[in-house]
Amino acid sequence: MSRRWRIRLAIPAVLLVVTLALLIPSKPGDVVFGIGWGFFGVMLVFLVAYAFLAIGEAEDRDRERSERRRR
């Protein structure tokens, strides 16, 4: 895994820690409980975006390789 991806994945990791720190001591119905689930949703959005980014970067690398072979 490249350094760039380690830095990118640090954001969801921090959000996961924050989510757990908010959800573990709270109870359903608390404001903190809702905020914790909000952080969890943001973390999932980051992970889905990174999945699409990884697929796009892989396609770009494949396209570059095929163009080099044609030349």
Protein backbone atom coordinates (compact mmCIF):
# COMPACT_ATOMS: atom_id res chain seq x y z
CA MET A 1 0.00 0.00 0.00
CA SER A 2 1.39 3.36 -0.98
CA ARG A 3 1.99 6.21 1.42
CA ARG A 4 -0.73 8.20 -0.32
CA TRP A 5 -3.34 5.52 0.44
CA ARG A 6 -2.20 5.22 4.05
CA ILE A 7 -2.78 8.94 4.50
CA ARG A 8 -6.16 8.73 2.76
CA LEU A 9 -7.29 5.84 4.94
CA ALA A 10 -6.28 7.69 8.09
CA ILE A 11 -9.40 9.88 7.78
CA PRO A 12 -11.90 6.99 8.01
CA ALA A 13 -9.81 5.41 10.79
CA VAL A 14 -10.01 8.59 12.86
CA LEU A 15 -13.73 8.85 12.16
CA LEU A 16 -14.19 5.25 13.32
CA VAL A 17 -12.41 6.01 16.60
CA VAL A 18 -14.55 9.11 17.12
CA THR A 19 -17.69 7.12 16.31
CA LEU A 20 -16.83 4.44 18.84
CA ALA A 21 -15.93 7.04 21.45
CA LEU A 22 -19.35 8.63 21.02
CA LEU A 23 -21.48 5.49 20.66
CA ILE A 24 -20.08 3.32 23.44
CA PRO A 25 -20.99 5.54 26.42
CA SER A 26 -24.27 6.85 24.98
CA LYS A 27 -27.77 5.42 24.82
CA PRO A 28 -30.29 5.51 21.96
CA GLY A 29 -32.17 8.77 22.09
CA ASP A 30 -29.20 10.83 23.30
CA VAL A 31 -27.87 13.66 21.17
CA VAL A 32 -24.39 12.15 21.39
CA PHE A 33 -25.78 8.87 20.02
CA GLY A 34 -27.11 10.69 16.95
CA ILE A 35 -23.86 12.54 16.44
CA GLY A 36 -21.98 9.25 16.65
CA TRP A 37 -24.12 7.73 13.92
CA GLY A 38 -23.59 10.88 11.87
CA PHE A 39 -19.82 10.39 12.07
CA PHE A 40 -20.33 6.75 11.10
CA GLY A 41 -22.26 7.87 7.98
CA VAL A 42 -19.53 10.31 7.02
CA MET A 43 -16.96 7.54 7.43
CA LEU A 44 -18.96 5.28 5.09
CA VAL A 45 -19.16 8.07 2.50
CA PHE A 46 -15.36 8.40 2.61
CA LEU A 47 -14.91 4.64 2.21
CA VAL A 48 -17.27 4.44 -0.78
CA ALA A 49 -15.59 7.44 -2.40
CA TYR A 50 -12.18 5.82 -1.88
CA ALA A 51 -13.44 2.59 -3.42
CA PHE A 52 -14.50 4.46 -6.56
CA LEU A 53 -11.20 6.37 -6.55
CA ALA A 54 -9.22 3.14 -6.35
CA ILE A 55 -11.19 1.65 -9.25
CA GLY A 56 -10.67 4.80 -11.32
CA GLU A 57 -6.95 4.87 -10.63
CA ALA A 58 -6.65 1.19 -11.58
CA GLU A 59 -8.48 1.85 -14.85
CA ASP A 60 -6.17 4.80 -15.59
CA ARG A 61 -3.08 2.66 -14.99
CA ASP A 62 -4.48 -0.08 -17.22
CA ARG A 63 -5.28 2.44 -19.95
CA GLU A 64 -1.72 3.84 -19.78
CA ARG A 65 -0.23 0.33 -20.03
CA SER A 66 -2.36 -0.51 -23.07
CA GLU A 67 -1.38 2.76 -24.76
CA ARG A 68 2.32 2.04 -24.17
CA ARG A 69 1.93 -1.43 -25.72
CA ARG A 70 0.32 0.07 -28.85
CA ARG A 71 3.29 2.39 -29.40
